[in-house]
Amino acid sequence: MRARVIVGLRPGVLDTQGKTVANALRELGFGEVLSARVGKVIELELTSSDHAAAQIEIKAMCEQLLANAVIETYSIEIE
């Protein structure tokens, strides 16, 4: 089973990387870029075949290590 965790900053949290990316894109001539947000994608391969159990396990992974609950949100996609 494969899973993808998408982690991003919560709305309202200053994203200095995103700001830098947006500014650089505008300087390169992409003037239509108003803003950018930078996050991370974590791809996991699991031995589990139980979708519900995998969802619970990945949620625990996110809360313990993969995402900082104070400033980040996450979503889980399981294939």
PDB file of N, CA and C in Angstrom:
ATOM      1  N   MET A   1       0.856  -1.169   0.000  1.00  0.00           N
ATOM      2  CA  MET A   1       0.000   0.000   0.000  1.00  0.00           C
ATOM      3  C   MET A   1       0.904   1.234   0.000  1.00  0.00           C
ATOM      4  N   ARG A   2       0.510   2.222  -0.757  1.00  0.00           N
ATOM      5  CA  ARG A   2       1.250   3.481  -0.822  1.00  0.00           C
ATOM      6  C   ARG A   2       0.409   4.605  -0.252  1.00  0.00           C
ATOM      7  N   ALA A   3       1.091   5.520   0.393  1.00  0.00           N
ATOM      8  CA  ALA A   3       0.403   6.675   0.955  1.00  0.00           C
ATOM      9  C   ALA A   3       1.217   7.926   0.683  1.00  0.00           C
ATOM     10  N   ARG A   4       0.516   9.026   0.602  1.00  0.00           N
ATOM     11  CA  ARG A   4       1.157  10.326   0.405  1.00  0.00           C
ATOM     12  C   ARG A   4       0.623  11.253   1.488  1.00  0.00           C
ATOM     13  N   VAL A   5       1.553  11.912   2.179  1.00  0.00           N
ATOM     14  CA  VAL A   5       1.196  12.896   3.190  1.00  0.00           C
ATOM     15  C   VAL A   5       1.622  14.258   2.655  1.00  0.00           C
ATOM     16  N   ILE A   6       0.683  15.181   2.616  1.00  0.00           N
ATOM     17  CA  ILE A   6       0.967  16.533   2.139  1.00  0.00           C
ATOM     18  C   ILE A   6       0.897  17.465   3.342  1.00  0.00           C
ATOM     19  N   VAL A   7       2.027  18.117   3.622  1.00  0.00           N
ATOM     20  CA  VAL A   7       2.149  18.985   4.789  1.00  0.00           C
ATOM     21  C   VAL A   7       2.343  20.415   4.316  1.00  0.00           C
ATOM     22  N   GLY A   8       1.608  21.336   4.906  1.00  0.00           N
ATOM     23  CA  GLY A   8       1.739  22.751   4.563  1.00  0.00           C
ATOM     24  C   GLY A   8       1.515  23.608   5.792  1.00  0.00           C
ATOM     25  N   LEU A   9       1.902  24.838   5.683  1.00  0.00           N
ATOM     26  CA  LEU A   9       1.723  25.767   6.791  1.00  0.00           C
ATOM     27  C   LEU A   9       0.248  26.128   6.949  1.00  0.00           C
ATOM     28  N   ARG A  10      -0.160  26.342   8.173  1.00  0.00           N
ATOM     29  CA  ARG A  10      -1.533  26.782   8.451  1.00  0.00           C
ATOM     30  C   ARG A  10      -1.750  28.170   7.858  1.00  0.00           C
ATOM     31  N   PRO A  11      -2.975  28.478   7.475  1.00  0.00           N
ATOM     32  CA  PRO A  11      -3.262  29.838   7.003  1.00  0.00           C
ATOM     33  C   PRO A  11      -2.883  30.841   8.097  1.00  0.00           C
ATOM     34  N   GLY A  12      -2.280  31.926   7.698  1.00  0.00           N
ATOM     35  CA  GLY A  12      -1.882  32.956   8.650  1.00  0.00           C
ATOM     36  C   GLY A  12      -0.458  32.813   9.147  1.00  0.00           C
ATOM     37  N   VAL A  13       0.165  31.646   8.932  1.00  0.00           N
ATOM     38  CA  VAL A  13       1.562  31.460   9.330  1.00  0.00           C
ATOM     39  C   VAL A  13       2.431  31.999   8.204  1.00  0.00           C
ATOM     40  N   LEU A  14       3.374  32.874   8.543  1.00  0.00           N
ATOM     41  CA  LEU A  14       4.250  33.483   7.549  1.00  0.00           C
ATOM     42  C   LEU A  14       5.082  32.415   6.850  1.00  0.00           C
ATOM     43  N   ASP A  15       5.042  32.406   5.542  1.00  0.00           N
ATOM     44  CA  ASP A  15       5.782  31.441   4.725  1.00  0.00           C
ATOM     45  C   ASP A  15       6.904  32.176   4.003  1.00  0.00           C
ATOM     46  N   THR A  16       8.061  32.275   4.646  1.00  0.00           N
ATOM     47  CA  THR A  16       9.168  33.018   4.052  1.00  0.00           C
ATOM     48  C   THR A  16       9.688  32.337   2.790  1.00  0.00           C
ATOM     49  N   GLN A  17       9.679  31.010   2.765  1.00  0.00           N
ATOM     50  CA  GLN A  17      10.098  30.310   1.546  1.00  0.00           C
ATOM     51  C   GLN A  17       9.138  30.609   0.407  1.00  0.00           C
ATOM     52  N   GLY A  18       7.859  30.571   0.690  1.00  0.00           N
ATOM     53  CA  GLY A  18       6.863  30.869  -0.335  1.00  0.00           C
ATOM     54  C   GLY A  18       7.001  32.283  -0.857  1.00  0.00           C
ATOM     55  N   LYS A  19       7.266  33.214   0.047  1.00  0.00           N
ATOM     56  CA  LYS A  19       7.447  34.607  -0.352  1.00  0.00           C
ATOM     57  C   LYS A  19       8.660  34.747  -1.271  1.00  0.00           C
ATOM     58  N   THR A  20       9.749  34.058  -0.925  1.00  0.00           N
ATOM     59  CA  THR A  20      10.960  34.087  -1.747  1.00  0.00           C
ATOM     60  C   THR A  20      10.699  33.497  -3.127  1.00  0.00           C
ATOM     61  N   VAL A  21       9.974  32.379  -3.179  1.00  0.00           N
ATOM     62  CA  VAL A  21       9.652  31.748  -4.461  1.00  0.00           C
ATOM     63  C   VAL A  21       8.802  32.683  -5.317  1.00  0.00           C
ATOM     64  N   ALA A  22       7.776  33.282  -4.734  1.00  0.00           N
ATOM     65  CA  ALA A  22       6.902  34.187  -5.483  1.00  0.00           C
ATOM     66  C   ALA A  22       7.694  35.373  -6.025  1.00  0.00           C
ATOM     67  N   ASN A  23       8.545  35.963  -5.201  1.00  0.00           N
ATOM     68  CA  ASN A  23       9.363  37.100  -5.650  1.00  0.00           C
ATOM     69  C   ASN A  23      10.293  36.689  -6.786  1.00  0.00           C
ATOM     70  N   ALA A  24      10.938  35.533  -6.650  1.00  0.00           N
ATOM     71  CA  ALA A  24      11.864  35.061  -7.688  1.00  0.00           C
ATOM     72  C   ALA A  24      11.123  34.805  -9.000  1.00  0.00           C
ATOM     73  N   LEU A  25       9.938  34.223  -8.926  1.00  0.00           N
ATOM     74  CA  LEU A  25       9.163  33.973 -10.146  1.00  0.00           C
ATOM     75  C   LEU A  25       8.779  35.281 -10.833  1.00  0.00           C
ATOM     76  N   ARG A  26       8.387  36.274 -10.047  1.00  0.00           N
ATOM     77  CA  ARG A  26       8.059  37.583 -10.651  1.00  0.00           C
ATOM     78  C   ARG A  26       9.289  38.199 -11.305  1.00  0.00           C
ATOM     79  N   GLU A  27      10.447  38.075 -10.653  1.00  0.00           N
ATOM     80  CA  GLU A  27      11.685  38.612 -11.229  1.00  0.00           C
ATOM     81  C   GLU A  27      12.071  37.895 -12.514  1.00  0.00           C
ATOM     82  N   LEU A  28      11.658  36.645 -12.648  1.00  0.00           N
ATOM     83  CA  LEU A  28      11.935  35.886 -13.870  1.00  0.00           C
ATOM     84  C   LEU A  28      10.926  36.173 -14.974  1.00  0.00           C
ATOM     85  N   GLY A  29       9.990  37.062 -14.697  1.00  0.00           N
ATOM     86  CA  GLY A  29       9.034  37.450 -15.723  1.00  0.00           C
ATOM     87  C   GLY A  29       7.663  36.841 -15.579  1.00  0.00           C
ATOM     88  N   PHE A  30       7.429  36.098 -14.527  1.00  0.00           N
ATOM     89  CA  PHE A  30       6.120  35.498 -14.302  1.00  0.00           C
ATOM     90  C   PHE A  30       5.297  36.420 -13.412  1.00  0.00           C
ATOM     91  N   GLY A  31       4.914  37.553 -13.967  1.00  0.00           N
ATOM     92  CA  GLY A  31       4.233  38.595 -13.220  1.00  0.00           C
ATOM     93  C   GLY A  31       2.858  38.227 -12.704  1.00  0.00           C
ATOM     94  N   GLU A  32       2.269  37.178 -13.248  1.00  0.00           N
ATOM     95  CA  GLU A  32       0.939  36.781 -12.812  1.00  0.00           C
ATOM     96  C   GLU A  32       0.945  36.078 -11.442  1.00  0.00           C
ATOM     97  N   VAL A  33       2.143  35.754 -10.921  1.00  0.00           N
ATOM     98  CA  VAL A  33       2.238  35.082  -9.621  1.00  0.00           C
ATOM     99  C   VAL A  33       2.020  36.109  -8.513  1.00  0.00           C
ATOM    100  N   LEU A  34       0.953  35.945  -7.766  1.00  0.00           N
ATOM    101  CA  LEU A  34       0.658  36.837  -6.645  1.00  0.00           C
ATOM    102  C   LEU A  34       1.323  36.354  -5.365  1.00  0.00           C
ATOM    103  N   SER A  35       1.283  35.046  -5.145  1.00  0.00           N
ATOM    104  CA  SER A  35       1.880  34.487  -3.939  1.00  0.00           C
ATOM    105  C   SER A  35       2.164  33.005  -4.156  1.00  0.00           C
ATOM    106  N   ALA A  36       2.939  32.445  -3.256  1.00  0.00           N
ATOM    107  CA  ALA A  36       3.249  31.014  -3.295  1.00  0.00           C
ATOM    108  C   ALA A  36       3.341  30.505  -1.862  1.00  0.00           C
ATOM    109  N   ARG A  37       2.970  29.255  -1.671  1.00  0.00           N
ATOM    110  CA  ARG A  37       3.110  28.594  -0.377  1.00  0.00           C
ATOM    111  C   ARG A  37       3.961  27.345  -0.619  1.00  0.00           C
ATOM    112  N   VAL A  38       4.920  27.113   0.245  1.00  0.00           N
ATOM    113  CA  VAL A  38       5.810  25.972   0.101  1.00  0.00           C
ATOM    114  C   VAL A  38       5.476  24.958   1.188  1.00  0.00           C
ATOM    115  N   GLY A  39       5.391  23.700   0.800  1.00  0.00           N
ATOM    116  CA  GLY A  39       5.113  22.629   1.746  1.00  0.00           C
ATOM    117  C   GLY A  39       6.006  21.443   1.438  1.00  0.00           C
ATOM    118  N   LYS A  40       5.592  20.293   1.908  1.00  0.00           N
ATOM    119  CA  LYS A  40       6.362  19.086   1.630  1.00  0.00           C
ATOM    120  C   LYS A  40       5.417  17.919   1.376  1.00  0.00           C
ATOM    121  N   VAL A  41       5.905  16.983   0.580  1.00  0.00           N
ATOM    122  CA  VAL A  41       5.167  15.765   0.274  1.00  0.00           C
ATOM    123  C   VAL A  41       6.023  14.602   0.751  1.00  0.00           C
ATOM    124  N   ILE A  42       5.422  13.725   1.534  1.00  0.00           N
ATOM    125  CA  ILE A  42       6.119  12.555   2.047  1.00  0.00           C
ATOM    126  C   ILE A  42       5.401  11.332   1.502  1.00  0.00           C
ATOM    127  N   GLU A  43       6.117  10.504   0.753  1.00  0.00           N
ATOM    128  CA  GLU A  43       5.534   9.299   0.188  1.00  0.00           C
ATOM    129  C   GLU A  43       5.971   8.108   1.018  1.00  0.00           C
ATOM    130  N   LEU A  44       5.004   7.302   1.416  1.00  0.00           N
ATOM    131  CA  LEU A  44       5.257   6.142   2.255  1.00  0.00           C
ATOM    132  C   LEU A  44       4.811   4.879   1.544  1.00  0.00           C
ATOM    133  N   GLU A  45       5.572   3.822   1.711  1.00  0.00           N
ATOM    134  CA  GLU A  45       5.158   2.509   1.232  1.00  0.00           C
ATOM    135  C   GLU A  45       4.972   1.647   2.475  1.00  0.00           C
ATOM    136  N   LEU A  46       3.798   1.073   2.616  1.00  0.00           N
ATOM    137  CA  LEU A  46       3.444   0.327   3.815  1.00  0.00           C
ATOM    138  C   LEU A  46       3.167  -1.139   3.496  1.00  0.00           C
ATOM    139  N   THR A  47       3.398  -1.993   4.472  1.00  0.00           N
ATOM    140  CA  THR A  47       3.086  -3.409   4.292  1.00  0.00           C
ATOM    141  C   THR A  47       1.617  -3.695   4.553  1.00  0.00           C
ATOM    142  N   SER A  48       0.950  -2.791   5.220  1.00  0.00           N
ATOM    143  CA  SER A  48      -0.458  -2.973   5.580  1.00  0.00           C
ATOM    144  C   SER A  48      -1.340  -3.069   4.336  1.00  0.00           C
ATOM    145  N   SER A  49      -2.376  -3.902   4.428  1.00  0.00           N
ATOM    146  CA  SER A  49      -3.371  -3.963   3.354  1.00  0.00           C
ATOM    147  C   SER A  49      -4.732  -3.479   3.856  1.00  0.00           C
ATOM    148  N   ASP A  50      -4.784  -3.092   5.118  1.00  0.00           N
ATOM    149  CA  ASP A  50      -6.008  -2.605   5.742  1.00  0.00           C
ATOM    150  C   ASP A  50      -6.023  -1.078   5.675  1.00  0.00           C
ATOM    151  N   HIS A  51      -6.881  -0.541   4.830  1.00  0.00           N
ATOM    152  CA  HIS A  51      -6.943   0.897   4.592  1.00  0.00           C
ATOM    153  C   HIS A  51      -7.211   1.677   5.880  1.00  0.00           C
ATOM    154  N   ALA A  52      -8.180   1.246   6.667  1.00  0.00           N
ATOM    155  CA  ALA A  52      -8.545   1.954   7.901  1.00  0.00           C
ATOM    156  C   ALA A  52      -7.399   1.943   8.906  1.00  0.00           C
ATOM    157  N   ALA A  53      -6.738   0.801   9.049  1.00  0.00           N
ATOM    158  CA  ALA A  53      -5.607   0.702   9.980  1.00  0.00           C
ATOM    159  C   ALA A  53      -4.450   1.578   9.511  1.00  0.00           C
ATOM    160  N   ALA A  54      -4.211   1.603   8.212  1.00  0.00           N
ATOM    161  CA  ALA A  54      -3.147   2.441   7.665  1.00  0.00           C
ATOM    162  C   ALA A  54      -3.441   3.918   7.922  1.00  0.00           C
ATOM    163  N   GLN A  55      -4.683   4.317   7.740  1.00  0.00           N
ATOM    164  CA  GLN A  55      -5.088   5.707   7.981  1.00  0.00           C
ATOM    165  C   GLN A  55      -4.779   6.104   9.425  1.00  0.00           C
ATOM    166  N   ILE A  56      -5.119   5.246  10.367  1.00  0.00           N
ATOM    167  CA  ILE A  56      -4.869   5.520  11.785  1.00  0.00           C
ATOM    168  C   ILE A  56      -3.373   5.597  12.062  1.00  0.00           C
ATOM    169  N   GLU A  57      -2.611   4.672  11.490  1.00  0.00           N
ATOM    170  CA  GLU A  57      -1.162   4.638  11.702  1.00  0.00           C
ATOM    171  C   GLU A  57      -0.482   5.875  11.115  1.00  0.00           C
ATOM    172  N   ILE A  58      -0.879   6.262   9.923  1.00  0.00           N
ATOM    173  CA  ILE A  58      -0.270   7.431   9.284  1.00  0.00           C
ATOM    174  C   ILE A  58      -0.634   8.707  10.031  1.00  0.00           C
ATOM    175  N   LYS A  59      -1.855   8.791  10.527  1.00  0.00           N
ATOM    176  CA  LYS A  59      -2.249   9.949  11.339  1.00  0.00           C
ATOM    177  C   LYS A  59      -1.345  10.066  12.564  1.00  0.00           C
ATOM    178  N   ALA A  60      -1.055   8.944  13.208  1.00  0.00           N
ATOM    179  CA  ALA A  60      -0.145   8.945  14.363  1.00  0.00           C
ATOM    180  C   ALA A  60       1.257   9.390  13.948  1.00  0.00           C
ATOM    181  N   MET A  61       1.715   8.939  12.780  1.00  0.00           N
ATOM    182  CA  MET A  61       3.026   9.350  12.271  1.00  0.00           C
ATOM    183  C   MET A  61       3.079  10.864  12.089  1.00  0.00           C
ATOM    184  N   CYS A  62       2.008  11.408  11.525  1.00  0.00           N
ATOM    185  CA  CYS A  62       1.944  12.853  11.295  1.00  0.00           C
ATOM    186  C   CYS A  62       1.984  13.623  12.603  1.00  0.00           C
ATOM    187  N   GLU A  63       1.211  13.168  13.558  1.00  0.00           N
ATOM    188  CA  GLU A  63       1.120  13.882  14.828  1.00  0.00           C
ATOM    189  C   GLU A  63       2.390  13.752  15.663  1.00  0.00           C
ATOM    190  N   GLN A  64       3.136  12.661  15.477  1.00  0.00           N
ATOM    191  CA  GLN A  64       4.352  12.450  16.257  1.00  0.00           C
ATOM    192  C   GLN A  64       5.607  12.976  15.586  1.00  0.00           C
ATOM    193  N   LEU A  65       5.638  13.014  14.239  1.00  0.00           N
ATOM    194  CA  LEU A  65       6.889  13.354  13.560  1.00  0.00           C
ATOM    195  C   LEU A  65       6.737  14.188  12.296  1.00  0.00           C
ATOM    196  N   LEU A  66       5.832  13.824  11.431  1.00  0.00           N
ATOM    197  CA  LEU A  66       5.828  14.381  10.082  1.00  0.00           C
ATOM    198  C   LEU A  66       5.316  15.814   9.984  1.00  0.00           C
ATOM    199  N   ALA A  67       4.472  16.246  10.912  1.00  0.00           N
ATOM    200  CA  ALA A  67       3.918  17.604  10.859  1.00  0.00           C
ATOM    201  C   ALA A  67       3.971  18.237  12.248  1.00  0.00           C
ATOM    202  N   ASN A  68       4.234  19.528  12.261  1.00  0.00           N
ATOM    203  CA  ASN A  68       4.203  20.299  13.505  1.00  0.00           C
ATOM    204  C   ASN A  68       2.790  20.852  13.653  1.00  0.00           C
ATOM    205  N   ALA A  69       2.013  20.260  14.544  1.00  0.00           N
ATOM    206  CA  ALA A  69       0.588  20.594  14.672  1.00  0.00           C
ATOM    207  C   ALA A  69       0.341  22.061  15.019  1.00  0.00           C
ATOM    208  N   VAL A  70       1.325  22.734  15.567  1.00  0.00           N
ATOM    209  CA  VAL A  70       1.154  24.131  15.949  1.00  0.00           C
ATOM    210  C   VAL A  70       1.084  25.029  14.714  1.00  0.00           C
ATOM    211  N   ILE A  71       1.921  24.754  13.710  1.00  0.00           N
ATOM    212  CA  ILE A  71       1.999  25.646  12.549  1.00  0.00           C
ATOM    213  C   ILE A  71       1.674  24.979  11.215  1.00  0.00           C
ATOM    214  N   GLU A  72       1.488  23.665  11.205  1.00  0.00           N
ATOM    215  CA  GLU A  72       1.275  22.957   9.945  1.00  0.00           C
ATOM    216  C   GLU A  72      -0.034  22.155   9.954  1.00  0.00           C
ATOM    217  N   THR A  73      -0.559  21.960   8.760  1.00  0.00           N
ATOM    218  CA  THR A  73      -1.684  21.053   8.548  1.00  0.00           C
ATOM    219  C   THR A  73      -1.195  19.930   7.648  1.00  0.00           C
ATOM    220  N   TYR A  74      -1.958  18.852   7.585  1.00  0.00           N
ATOM    221  CA  TYR A  74      -1.574  17.755   6.701  1.00  0.00           C
ATOM    222  C   TYR A  74      -2.817  17.071   6.152  1.00  0.00           C
ATOM    223  N   SER A  75      -2.624  16.434   5.024  1.00  0.00           N
ATOM    224  CA  SER A  75      -3.667  15.586   4.458  1.00  0.00           C
ATOM    225  C   SER A  75      -3.024  14.273   4.058  1.00  0.00           C
ATOM    226  N   ILE A  76      -3.826  13.221   4.070  1.00  0.00           N
ATOM    227  CA  ILE A  76      -3.337  11.877   3.790  1.00  0.00           C
ATOM    228  C   ILE A  76      -4.093  11.325   2.587  1.00  0.00           C
ATOM    229  N   GLU A  77      -3.341  10.781   1.632  1.00  0.00           N
ATOM    230  CA  GLU A  77      -3.917  10.102   0.468  1.00  0.00           C
ATOM    231  C   GLU A  77      -3.381   8.674   0.465  1.00  0.00           C
ATOM    232  N   ILE A  78      -4.263   7.708   0.401  1.00  0.00           N
ATOM    233  CA  ILE A  78      -3.843   6.304   0.398  1.00  0.00           C
ATOM    234  C   ILE A  78      -4.305   5.647  -0.904  1.00  0.00           C
ATOM    235  N   GLU A  79      -3.389   4.943  -1.542  1.00  0.00           N
ATOM    236  CA  GLU A  79      -3.691   4.223  -2.791  1.00  0.00           C
ATOM    237  C   GLU A  79      -3.825   2.747  -2.506  1.00  0.00           C
TER     238      GLU A  79
END
